[in-house]
């Protein structure tokens, strides 16, 4: 029988360790974490401690201007960010942007007069609200409700003074219908 020299032993040990590592990967080491276990992967669960009341959030952060956005492709969100920067740099406002689906709307009528609210709303498809503005649109009454017959107490945002900016393509039949519907429902 041939005698094993040191180099052969080193190679055999390396092969043994490599084989052992290969068969134990994922069991004892390099174990993948469950991507759904993270609180950030669970939608709004990462924000569980944060309030959905925009007035509370503005007070917590010391803001006096909020720019809500309803965006499908990110354009309205980009415009909201630009408006926030301009409002801060040019007018000294303490601005924040807010995704419409992250807040409740029931208390917007209680908006103080020393705070400003903007809505940057894109129209999607055939005059529909964007995915993140569907709940807001339904809160405002959607298309099924005729506000001309309702009293001002029943109209959403009747007491809120705000600015609304619409985004859309003027070649479409329902150009800027989202912002038009929101402003018409206030009257």
N, C-alpha and C. Protein backbone atom coordinates (compact mmCIF):
# COMPACT_ATOMS: atom_id res chain seq x y z
N UNK A 1 0.84 -1.16 0.00
CA UNK A 1 0.00 0.00 0.00
C UNK A 1 0.89 1.23 0.00
N UNK A 2 0.48 2.17 -0.80
CA UNK A 2 1.30 3.38 -0.94
C UNK A 2 1.12 4.26 0.28
N UNK A 3 2.13 4.89 0.55
CA UNK A 3 2.16 5.76 1.72
C UNK A 3 1.57 7.13 1.34
N UNK A 4 0.63 7.68 2.18
CA UNK A 4 0.04 8.99 1.93
C UNK A 4 0.99 10.08 2.40
N UNK A 5 1.25 11.02 1.53
CA UNK A 5 2.09 12.12 2.00
C UNK A 5 1.21 13.26 2.46
N UNK A 6 1.73 14.28 2.97
CA UNK A 6 1.02 15.39 3.60
C UNK A 6 0.10 16.10 2.62
N UNK A 7 0.51 16.27 1.41
CA UNK A 7 -0.32 16.95 0.42
C UNK A 7 -1.60 16.16 0.14
N UNK A 8 -1.51 14.86 0.07
CA UNK A 8 -2.69 14.03 -0.15
C UNK A 8 -3.67 14.15 1.01
N UNK A 9 -3.16 14.20 2.22
CA UNK A 9 -4.02 14.33 3.41
C UNK A 9 -4.71 15.69 3.39
N UNK A 10 -4.03 16.73 3.02
CA UNK A 10 -4.62 18.07 2.97
C UNK A 10 -5.74 18.10 1.92
N UNK A 11 -5.50 17.51 0.77
CA UNK A 11 -6.51 17.48 -0.28
C UNK A 11 -7.73 16.67 0.17
N UNK A 12 -7.54 15.53 0.80
CA UNK A 12 -8.65 14.71 1.29
C UNK A 12 -9.46 15.45 2.36
N UNK A 13 -8.78 16.13 3.26
CA UNK A 13 -9.47 16.89 4.31
C UNK A 13 -10.27 18.03 3.68
N UNK A 14 -9.69 18.71 2.68
CA UNK A 14 -10.40 19.80 2.00
C UNK A 14 -11.64 19.27 1.28
N UNK A 15 -11.52 18.12 0.62
CA UNK A 15 -12.67 17.52 -0.05
C UNK A 15 -13.74 17.11 0.96
N UNK A 16 -13.32 16.56 2.08
CA UNK A 16 -14.26 16.16 3.12
C UNK A 16 -15.00 17.37 3.68
N UNK A 17 -14.28 18.46 3.96
CA UNK A 17 -14.90 19.68 4.48
C UNK A 17 -15.83 20.31 3.44
N UNK A 18 -15.42 20.31 2.17
CA UNK A 18 -16.27 20.85 1.10
C UNK A 18 -17.55 20.06 0.96
N UNK A 19 -17.45 18.73 1.03
CA UNK A 19 -18.63 17.87 0.93
C UNK A 19 -19.56 18.10 2.12
N UNK A 20 -18.97 18.18 3.29
CA UNK A 20 -19.75 18.43 4.51
C UNK A 20 -20.46 19.78 4.43
N UNK A 21 -19.75 20.79 3.95
CA UNK A 21 -20.34 22.13 3.81
C UNK A 21 -21.47 22.11 2.80
N UNK A 22 -21.28 21.41 1.69
CA UNK A 22 -22.30 21.35 0.65
C UNK A 22 -23.60 20.73 1.16
N UNK A 23 -23.48 19.66 1.92
CA UNK A 23 -24.68 18.95 2.38
C UNK A 23 -25.33 19.59 3.61
N UNK A 24 -24.64 20.46 4.31
CA UNK A 24 -25.25 21.11 5.48
C UNK A 24 -25.69 22.53 5.19
N UNK A 25 -25.43 23.05 3.99
CA UNK A 25 -25.84 24.40 3.64
C UNK A 25 -27.36 24.50 3.67
N UNK A 26 -27.86 25.52 4.32
CA UNK A 26 -29.29 25.71 4.44
C UNK A 26 -29.89 25.02 5.64
N UNK A 27 -29.14 24.10 6.25
CA UNK A 27 -29.61 23.41 7.44
C UNK A 27 -28.95 23.98 8.69
N UNK A 28 -27.63 24.08 8.64
CA UNK A 28 -26.88 24.57 9.79
C UNK A 28 -26.28 25.96 9.57
N UNK A 29 -26.05 26.32 8.36
CA UNK A 29 -25.49 27.64 8.05
C UNK A 29 -26.11 28.14 6.75
N UNK A 30 -26.00 29.43 6.49
CA UNK A 30 -26.61 30.08 5.32
C UNK A 30 -28.10 29.77 5.24
N UNK A 31 -28.77 29.81 6.38
CA UNK A 31 -30.21 29.56 6.42
C UNK A 31 -30.91 30.83 5.97
N UNK A 32 -31.77 30.71 4.97
CA UNK A 32 -32.50 31.87 4.48
C UNK A 32 -33.62 32.22 5.45
N UNK A 33 -33.73 33.50 5.70
CA UNK A 33 -34.81 33.98 6.56
C UNK A 33 -36.10 34.03 5.76
N UNK A 34 -37.20 33.88 6.45
CA UNK A 34 -38.50 33.96 5.82
C UNK A 34 -38.75 35.40 5.40
N UNK A 35 -38.90 35.67 4.11
CA UNK A 35 -39.11 37.06 3.68
C UNK A 35 -40.42 37.65 4.17
N UNK A 36 -41.36 36.79 4.53
CA UNK A 36 -42.65 37.28 5.01
C UNK A 36 -42.66 37.51 6.52
N UNK A 37 -41.57 37.16 7.18
CA UNK A 37 -41.50 37.37 8.62
C UNK A 37 -41.15 38.81 8.95
N UNK A 38 -40.57 39.53 8.01
CA UNK A 38 -40.17 40.91 8.23
C UNK A 38 -41.40 41.80 8.30
N UNK A 39 -41.38 42.75 9.20
CA UNK A 39 -42.52 43.66 9.32
C UNK A 39 -42.62 44.58 8.11
N UNK A 40 -41.49 44.82 7.41
CA UNK A 40 -41.55 45.68 6.24
C UNK A 40 -42.21 44.98 5.06
N UNK A 41 -42.17 43.67 5.04
CA UNK A 41 -42.78 42.93 3.94
C UNK A 41 -44.29 42.80 4.11
N UNK A 42 -44.82 43.16 5.25
CA UNK A 42 -46.25 43.01 5.52
C UNK A 42 -47.02 44.31 5.31
N UNK A 43 -46.79 44.96 4.21
CA UNK A 43 -47.54 46.16 3.88
C UNK A 43 -47.33 47.26 4.89
N UNK A 44 -48.37 47.63 5.59
CA UNK A 44 -48.31 48.73 6.54
C UNK A 44 -47.93 48.27 7.93
N UNK A 45 -47.60 47.00 8.11
CA UNK A 45 -47.27 46.51 9.44
C UNK A 45 -46.03 47.18 10.00
N UNK A 46 -45.12 47.61 9.13
CA UNK A 46 -43.92 48.30 9.59
C UNK A 46 -44.26 49.66 10.17
N UNK A 47 -45.45 50.18 9.84
CA UNK A 47 -45.88 51.47 10.31
C UNK A 47 -46.93 51.33 11.40
N UNK A 48 -46.97 50.16 12.00
CA UNK A 48 -48.03 49.87 12.96
C UNK A 48 -48.08 50.87 14.10
N UNK A 49 -46.95 51.37 14.53
CA UNK A 49 -46.92 52.31 15.64
C UNK A 49 -47.26 53.72 15.25
N UNK A 50 -47.35 53.99 13.97
CA UNK A 50 -47.61 55.34 13.50
C UNK A 50 -49.09 55.55 13.27
N UNK A 51 -49.53 56.75 13.56
CA UNK A 51 -50.94 57.09 13.46
C UNK A 51 -51.37 57.28 12.01
N UNK A 52 -52.61 56.93 11.71
CA UNK A 52 -53.20 57.19 10.40
C UNK A 52 -53.91 58.54 10.37
N UNK A 53 -53.85 59.27 11.50
CA UNK A 53 -54.44 60.59 11.59
C UNK A 53 -53.42 61.61 11.11
N UNK A 54 -53.70 62.25 9.99
CA UNK A 54 -52.73 63.17 9.40
C UNK A 54 -52.47 64.38 10.30
N UNK A 55 -53.47 64.83 11.02
CA UNK A 55 -53.27 65.98 11.90
C UNK A 55 -52.30 65.64 13.04
N UNK A 56 -52.43 64.44 13.60
CA UNK A 56 -51.50 64.00 14.64
C UNK A 56 -50.09 63.89 14.08
N UNK A 57 -49.95 63.30 12.90
CA UNK A 57 -48.63 63.14 12.29
C UNK A 57 -47.98 64.49 12.00
N UNK A 58 -48.77 65.44 11.53
CA UNK A 58 -48.22 66.77 11.26
C UNK A 58 -47.74 67.43 12.54
N UNK A 59 -48.52 67.29 13.61
CA UNK A 59 -48.12 67.86 14.90
C UNK A 59 -46.86 67.18 15.43
N UNK A 60 -46.80 65.85 15.32
CA UNK A 60 -45.62 65.11 15.79
C UNK A 60 -44.36 65.56 15.08
N UNK A 61 -44.46 65.81 13.77
CA UNK A 61 -43.30 66.16 12.97
C UNK A 61 -43.09 67.67 12.84
N UNK A 62 -43.98 68.46 13.42
CA UNK A 62 -43.84 69.91 13.36
C UNK A 62 -44.06 70.48 11.96
N UNK A 63 -45.00 69.92 11.21
CA UNK A 63 -45.27 70.35 9.83
C UNK A 63 -46.51 71.22 9.79
N UNK A 64 -46.51 72.17 8.83
CA UNK A 64 -47.69 73.01 8.65
C UNK A 64 -48.27 72.92 7.24
N UNK A 65 -47.71 72.01 6.43
CA UNK A 65 -48.19 71.83 5.06
C UNK A 65 -48.07 70.36 4.68
N UNK A 66 -49.16 69.81 4.18
CA UNK A 66 -49.13 68.42 3.71
C UNK A 66 -49.55 68.40 2.25
N UNK A 67 -48.82 67.60 1.48
CA UNK A 67 -49.14 67.44 0.07
C UNK A 67 -49.47 65.97 -0.16
N UNK A 68 -50.77 65.71 -0.29
CA UNK A 68 -51.25 64.35 -0.54
C UNK A 68 -51.06 64.05 -2.03
N UNK A 69 -50.76 62.80 -2.34
CA UNK A 69 -50.67 62.44 -3.75
C UNK A 69 -51.39 61.13 -4.02
N UNK A 70 -52.01 61.10 -5.20
CA UNK A 70 -52.62 59.89 -5.74
C UNK A 70 -51.92 59.60 -7.04
N UNK A 71 -51.07 58.58 -7.05
CA UNK A 71 -50.20 58.34 -8.20
C UNK A 71 -50.23 56.88 -8.61
N UNK A 72 -50.25 56.65 -9.92
CA UNK A 72 -50.18 55.28 -10.44
C UNK A 72 -48.77 54.96 -10.91
N UNK A 73 -48.15 55.89 -11.61
CA UNK A 73 -46.82 55.64 -12.19
C UNK A 73 -45.71 56.36 -11.45
N UNK A 74 -46.04 57.17 -10.45
CA UNK A 74 -45.03 57.89 -9.70
C UNK A 74 -44.92 59.35 -10.08
N UNK A 75 -45.61 59.77 -11.13
CA UNK A 75 -45.52 61.16 -11.56
C UNK A 75 -46.13 62.10 -10.53
N UNK A 76 -47.30 61.79 -10.02
CA UNK A 76 -47.93 62.65 -9.01
C UNK A 76 -47.10 62.68 -7.73
N UNK A 77 -46.50 61.56 -7.38
CA UNK A 77 -45.63 61.52 -6.20
C UNK A 77 -44.42 62.42 -6.42
N UNK A 78 -43.86 62.40 -7.62
CA UNK A 78 -42.73 63.25 -7.96
C UNK A 78 -43.12 64.73 -7.88
N UNK A 79 -44.28 65.08 -8.43
CA UNK A 79 -44.75 66.46 -8.35
C UNK A 79 -44.99 66.88 -6.91
N UNK A 80 -45.53 65.99 -6.10
CA UNK A 80 -45.76 66.30 -4.69
C UNK A 80 -44.43 66.59 -3.99
N UNK A 81 -43.41 65.80 -4.29
CA UNK A 81 -42.09 66.02 -3.70
C UNK A 81 -41.51 67.36 -4.15
N UNK A 82 -41.69 67.67 -5.42
CA UNK A 82 -41.19 68.96 -5.93
C UNK A 82 -41.91 70.13 -5.26
N UNK A 83 -43.24 70.00 -5.14
CA UNK A 83 -44.00 71.06 -4.46
C UNK A 83 -43.56 71.23 -3.01
N UNK A 84 -43.28 70.11 -2.35
CA UNK A 84 -42.83 70.17 -0.97
C UNK A 84 -41.49 70.90 -0.86
N UNK A 85 -40.58 70.60 -1.76
CA UNK A 85 -39.27 71.28 -1.75
C UNK A 85 -39.42 72.76 -2.04
N UNK A 86 -40.23 73.11 -3.04
CA UNK A 86 -40.46 74.50 -3.38
C UNK A 86 -41.14 75.25 -2.23
N UNK A 87 -42.14 74.63 -1.63
CA UNK A 87 -42.84 75.26 -0.51
C UNK A 87 -41.92 75.51 0.65
N UNK A 88 -41.01 74.60 0.87
CA UNK A 88 -40.05 74.76 1.95
C UNK A 88 -39.01 75.83 1.64
N UNK A 89 -38.42 75.77 0.46
CA UNK A 89 -37.34 76.70 0.13
C UNK A 89 -37.83 78.11 -0.17
N UNK A 90 -38.94 78.24 -0.88
CA UNK A 90 -39.42 79.57 -1.28
C UNK A 90 -40.31 80.25 -0.25
N UNK A 91 -41.12 79.47 0.44
CA UNK A 91 -42.12 80.08 1.30
C UNK A 91 -41.94 79.75 2.77
N UNK A 92 -40.91 78.99 3.10
CA UNK A 92 -40.63 78.66 4.50
C UNK A 92 -41.64 77.73 5.14
N UNK A 93 -42.40 77.01 4.33
CA UNK A 93 -43.36 76.06 4.88
C UNK A 93 -42.62 74.83 5.40
N UNK A 94 -43.16 74.23 6.42
CA UNK A 94 -42.62 72.97 6.93
C UNK A 94 -43.47 71.87 6.29
N UNK A 95 -43.00 71.36 5.16
CA UNK A 95 -43.81 70.49 4.31
C UNK A 95 -43.55 69.01 4.54
N UNK A 96 -44.55 68.24 4.16
CA UNK A 96 -44.43 66.78 4.12
C UNK A 96 -45.31 66.27 3.00
N UNK A 97 -44.90 65.16 2.40
CA UNK A 97 -45.75 64.51 1.40
C UNK A 97 -46.43 63.33 2.06
N UNK A 98 -47.60 62.97 1.56
CA UNK A 98 -48.37 61.90 2.16
C UNK A 98 -49.08 61.09 1.09
N UNK A 99 -48.86 59.79 1.10
CA UNK A 99 -49.56 58.87 0.23
C UNK A 99 -51.00 58.78 0.71
N UNK A 100 -51.95 58.97 -0.17
CA UNK A 100 -53.37 58.98 0.22
C UNK A 100 -53.81 57.71 0.93
N UNK A 101 -53.24 56.56 0.58
CA UNK A 101 -53.71 55.32 1.19
C UNK A 101 -53.15 55.08 2.59
N UNK A 102 -52.25 55.92 3.05
CA UNK A 102 -51.65 55.72 4.37
C UNK A 102 -52.37 56.49 5.48
N UNK A 103 -53.40 57.26 5.14
CA UNK A 103 -54.06 58.09 6.15
C UNK A 103 -55.58 57.95 6.07
N UNK A 104 -56.22 58.30 7.18
CA UNK A 104 -57.67 58.36 7.24
C UNK A 104 -58.10 59.77 6.88
N UNK A 105 -59.32 59.94 6.38
CA UNK A 105 -59.76 61.24 5.87
C UNK A 105 -60.86 61.87 6.70
N UNK A 106 -61.40 61.13 7.65
CA UNK A 106 -62.56 61.60 8.40
C UNK A 106 -62.29 62.90 9.16
N UNK A 107 -61.06 63.16 9.52
CA UNK A 107 -60.77 64.34 10.34
C UNK A 107 -60.24 65.52 9.51
N UNK A 108 -60.25 65.42 8.20
CA UNK A 108 -59.73 66.52 7.39
C UNK A 108 -60.57 67.79 7.51
N UNK A 109 -61.85 67.66 7.87
CA UNK A 109 -62.67 68.85 8.10
C UNK A 109 -62.22 69.64 9.33
N UNK A 110 -61.42 69.02 10.17
CA UNK A 110 -60.93 69.68 11.38
C UNK A 110 -59.55 70.30 11.16
N UNK A 111 -59.13 70.41 9.93
CA UNK A 111 -57.81 70.94 9.57
C UNK A 111 -57.72 72.39 10.05
N UNK A 112 -56.72 72.72 10.86
CA UNK A 112 -56.59 74.10 11.36
C UNK A 112 -56.30 75.09 10.23
N UNK A 113 -56.70 76.33 10.43
CA UNK A 113 -56.49 77.34 9.41
C UNK A 113 -55.03 77.72 9.24
N UNK A 114 -54.18 77.40 10.22
CA UNK A 114 -52.76 77.73 10.09
C UNK A 114 -51.97 76.63 9.38
N UNK A 115 -52.66 75.62 8.85
CA UNK A 115 -52.02 74.55 8.10
C UNK A 115 -52.60 74.50 6.69
N UNK A 116 -51.79 74.02 5.75
CA UNK A 116 -52.17 74.01 4.35
C UNK A 116 -52.24 72.57 3.85
N UNK A 117 -53.24 72.27 3.03
CA UNK A 117 -53.37 70.95 2.42
C UNK A 117 -53.40 71.09 0.90
N UNK A 118 -52.61 70.25 0.24
CA UNK A 118 -52.58 70.16 -1.22
C UNK A 118 -52.97 68.74 -1.61
N UNK A 119 -53.59 68.59 -2.76
CA UNK A 119 -53.87 67.28 -3.33
C UNK A 119 -53.32 67.28 -4.74
N UNK A 120 -52.40 66.36 -5.02
CA UNK A 120 -51.88 66.16 -6.37
C UNK A 120 -52.44 64.82 -6.83
N UNK A 121 -53.40 64.87 -7.75
CA UNK A 121 -54.16 63.68 -8.11
C UNK A 121 -54.05 63.37 -9.59
N UNK A 122 -53.60 62.19 -9.88
CA UNK A 122 -53.54 61.72 -11.26
C UNK A 122 -54.83 60.97 -11.58
N UNK A 123 -55.20 61.00 -12.85
CA UNK A 123 -56.34 60.23 -13.33
C UNK A 123 -55.79 59.02 -14.06
N UNK A 124 -56.38 57.88 -13.80
CA UNK A 124 -55.88 56.63 -14.37
C UNK A 124 -56.96 56.01 -15.26
N UNK A 125 -56.55 55.42 -16.36
CA UNK A 125 -57.49 54.70 -17.21
C UNK A 125 -58.57 55.60 -17.76
N UNK A 126 -59.80 55.16 -17.63
CA UNK A 126 -60.95 55.90 -18.15
C UNK A 126 -61.58 56.78 -17.07
N UNK A 127 -60.79 57.66 -16.51
CA UNK A 127 -61.29 58.59 -15.50
C UNK A 127 -61.34 58.01 -14.10
N UNK A 128 -60.60 56.95 -13.86
CA UNK A 128 -60.62 56.27 -12.57
C UNK A 128 -59.54 56.82 -11.65
N UNK A 129 -59.72 56.62 -10.34
CA UNK A 129 -58.67 57.02 -9.41
C UNK A 129 -57.49 56.04 -9.50
N UNK A 130 -56.34 56.50 -9.11
CA UNK A 130 -55.17 55.63 -9.06
C UNK A 130 -55.35 54.61 -7.94
N UNK A 131 -54.55 53.57 -7.94
CA UNK A 131 -54.70 52.50 -6.94
C UNK A 131 -54.62 53.02 -5.51
N UNK A 132 -53.72 53.97 -5.25
CA UNK A 132 -53.58 54.46 -3.88
C UNK A 132 -54.59 55.55 -3.53
N UNK A 133 -55.45 55.93 -4.48
CA UNK A 133 -56.46 56.96 -4.21
C UNK A 133 -57.87 56.42 -4.24
N UNK A 134 -58.04 55.11 -4.38
CA UNK A 134 -59.39 54.53 -4.48
C UNK A 134 -60.19 54.79 -3.20
N UNK A 135 -59.59 54.54 -2.04
CA UNK A 135 -60.32 54.75 -0.77
C UNK A 135 -60.69 56.22 -0.60
N UNK A 136 -59.80 57.12 -0.96
CA UNK A 136 -60.09 58.55 -0.87
C UNK A 136 -61.25 58.91 -1.79
N UNK A 137 -61.23 58.38 -3.00
CA UNK A 137 -62.29 58.64 -3.97
C UNK A 137 -63.63 58.13 -3.45
N UNK A 138 -63.62 56.94 -2.86
CA UNK A 138 -64.85 56.39 -2.28
C UNK A 138 -65.32 57.22 -1.09
N UNK A 139 -64.37 57.72 -0.30
CA UNK A 139 -64.71 58.60 0.82
C UNK A 139 -65.39 59.87 0.30
N UNK A 140 -64.90 60.36 -0.81
CA UNK A 140 -65.48 61.57 -1.40
C UNK A 140 -66.84 61.30 -2.03
N UNK A 141 -67.18 60.04 -2.20
CA UNK A 141 -68.49 59.71 -2.72
C UNK A 141 -68.47 58.92 -4.00
N UNK A 142 -67.32 58.84 -4.64
CA UNK A 142 -67.24 58.09 -5.89
C UNK A 142 -68.20 58.64 -6.93
N UNK A 143 -68.51 57.85 -7.93
CA UNK A 143 -69.40 58.31 -9.00
C UNK A 143 -70.86 58.03 -8.71
N UNK A 144 -71.13 57.20 -7.71
CA UNK A 144 -72.51 56.77 -7.46
C UNK A 144 -73.32 57.78 -6.67
N UNK A 145 -72.68 58.77 -6.08
CA UNK A 145 -73.37 59.66 -5.17
C UNK A 145 -73.55 61.03 -5.81
N UNK A 146 -74.74 61.55 -5.74
CA UNK A 146 -75.01 62.89 -6.24
C UNK A 146 -74.98 63.86 -5.07
N UNK A 147 -73.98 64.71 -5.07
CA UNK A 147 -73.83 65.63 -3.95
C UNK A 147 -74.66 66.89 -4.11
N UNK A 148 -75.24 67.09 -5.25
CA UNK A 148 -76.03 68.30 -5.43
C UNK A 148 -77.26 68.30 -4.54
N UNK A 149 -77.70 67.13 -4.11
CA UNK A 149 -78.90 67.04 -3.27
C UNK A 149 -78.57 66.99 -1.79
N UNK A 150 -77.30 66.90 -1.45
CA UNK A 150 -76.94 66.74 -0.04
C UNK A 150 -76.65 68.08 0.62
N UNK A 151 -76.79 68.09 1.92
CA UNK A 151 -76.48 69.31 2.66
C UNK A 151 -74.97 69.44 2.80
N UNK A 152 -74.51 70.61 3.16
CA UNK A 152 -73.06 70.83 3.28
C UNK A 152 -72.47 70.01 4.41
N UNK A 153 -73.30 69.62 5.39
CA UNK A 153 -72.79 68.80 6.49
C UNK A 153 -72.42 67.40 6.01
N UNK A 154 -73.07 66.92 4.95
CA UNK A 154 -72.83 65.58 4.46
C UNK A 154 -71.73 65.54 3.40
N UNK A 155 -71.29 66.68 2.93
CA UNK A 155 -70.25 66.71 1.90
C UNK A 155 -68.89 66.55 2.55
N UNK A 156 -68.09 65.61 2.07
CA UNK A 156 -66.75 65.46 2.60
C UNK A 156 -65.92 66.70 2.28
N UNK A 157 -65.07 67.06 3.17
CA UNK A 157 -64.14 68.19 3.01
C UNK A 157 -64.84 69.53 2.80
N UNK A 158 -66.09 69.64 3.23
CA UNK A 158 -66.83 70.88 3.03
C UNK A 158 -66.17 72.05 3.74
N UNK A 159 -65.53 71.80 4.86
CA UNK A 159 -64.90 72.88 5.63
C UNK A 159 -63.41 73.01 5.40
N UNK A 160 -62.84 72.13 4.58
CA UNK A 160 -61.40 72.15 4.35
C UNK A 160 -61.07 73.09 3.20
N UNK A 161 -60.12 73.97 3.46
CA UNK A 161 -59.60 74.83 2.40
C UNK A 161 -58.34 74.16 1.89
N UNK A 162 -58.34 73.85 0.59
CA UNK A 162 -57.21 73.10 0.04
C UNK A 162 -56.96 73.52 -1.41
N UNK A 163 -55.83 73.09 -1.91
CA UNK A 163 -55.46 73.29 -3.30
C UNK A 163 -55.43 71.91 -3.95
N UNK A 164 -56.02 71.79 -5.13
CA UNK A 164 -56.01 70.52 -5.85
C UNK A 164 -55.33 70.72 -7.21
N UNK A 165 -54.42 69.83 -7.51
CA UNK A 165 -53.65 69.88 -8.76
C UNK A 165 -53.84 68.55 -9.46
N UNK A 166 -54.32 68.59 -10.70
CA UNK A 166 -54.60 67.36 -11.43
C UNK A 166 -53.56 67.04 -12.48
N UNK A 167 -53.32 65.75 -12.66
CA UNK A 167 -52.40 65.27 -13.69
C UNK A 167 -53.15 64.33 -14.60
N UNK A 168 -52.92 64.46 -15.88
CA UNK A 168 -53.56 63.57 -16.83
C UNK A 168 -53.11 63.89 -18.23
N UNK A 169 -53.61 63.13 -19.17
CA UNK A 169 -53.29 63.30 -20.57
C UNK A 169 -54.48 63.95 -21.24
N UNK A 170 -54.29 65.13 -21.83
CA UNK A 170 -55.43 65.87 -22.38
C UNK A 170 -56.01 65.25 -23.65
N UNK A 171 -55.40 64.19 -24.17
CA UNK A 171 -55.98 63.51 -25.32
C UNK A 171 -57.04 62.49 -24.91
N UNK A 172 -57.13 62.20 -23.61
CA UNK A 172 -58.12 61.23 -23.14
C UNK A 172 -59.47 61.90 -22.92
N UNK A 173 -60.52 61.12 -23.08
CA UNK A 173 -61.88 61.62 -22.91
C UNK A 173 -62.11 62.14 -21.49
N UNK A 174 -61.58 61.45 -20.51
CA UNK A 174 -61.82 61.80 -19.10
C UNK A 174 -60.62 62.53 -18.50
N UNK A 175 -60.08 63.49 -19.24
CA UNK A 175 -58.91 64.25 -18.82
C UNK A 175 -59.13 64.89 -17.45
N UNK A 176 -58.26 64.61 -16.52
CA UNK A 176 -58.26 65.17 -15.16
C UNK A 176 -59.59 64.97 -14.43
N UNK A 177 -60.29 63.92 -14.73
CA UNK A 177 -61.59 63.72 -14.09
C UNK A 177 -61.46 63.48 -12.59
N UNK A 178 -60.38 62.91 -12.15
CA UNK A 178 -60.21 62.65 -10.71
C UNK A 178 -60.21 63.96 -9.93
N UNK A 179 -59.41 64.92 -10.34
CA UNK A 179 -59.35 66.18 -9.60
C UNK A 179 -60.65 66.97 -9.78
N UNK A 180 -61.27 66.87 -10.95
CA UNK A 180 -62.56 67.54 -11.15
C UNK A 180 -63.64 66.95 -10.24
N UNK A 181 -63.68 65.63 -10.14
CA UNK A 181 -64.68 65.00 -9.28
C UNK A 181 -64.46 65.37 -7.82
N UNK A 182 -63.22 65.40 -7.38
CA UNK A 182 -62.94 65.75 -5.98
C UNK A 182 -63.35 67.18 -5.69
N UNK A 183 -63.03 68.12 -6.58
CA UNK A 183 -63.41 69.52 -6.32
C UNK A 183 -64.90 69.73 -6.48
N UNK A 184 -65.57 69.02 -7.37
CA UNK A 184 -67.02 69.16 -7.53
C UNK A 184 -67.77 68.61 -6.33
N UNK A 185 -67.27 67.62 -5.69
CA UNK A 185 -67.96 67.01 -4.55
C UNK A 185 -67.91 67.90 -3.31
N UNK A 186 -67.09 68.89 -3.36
CA UNK A 186 -66.98 69.81 -2.23
C UNK A 186 -68.07 70.88 -2.30
N UNK A 187 -68.53 71.17 -3.46
CA UNK A 187 -69.50 72.27 -3.67
C UNK A 187 -70.87 71.92 -3.19
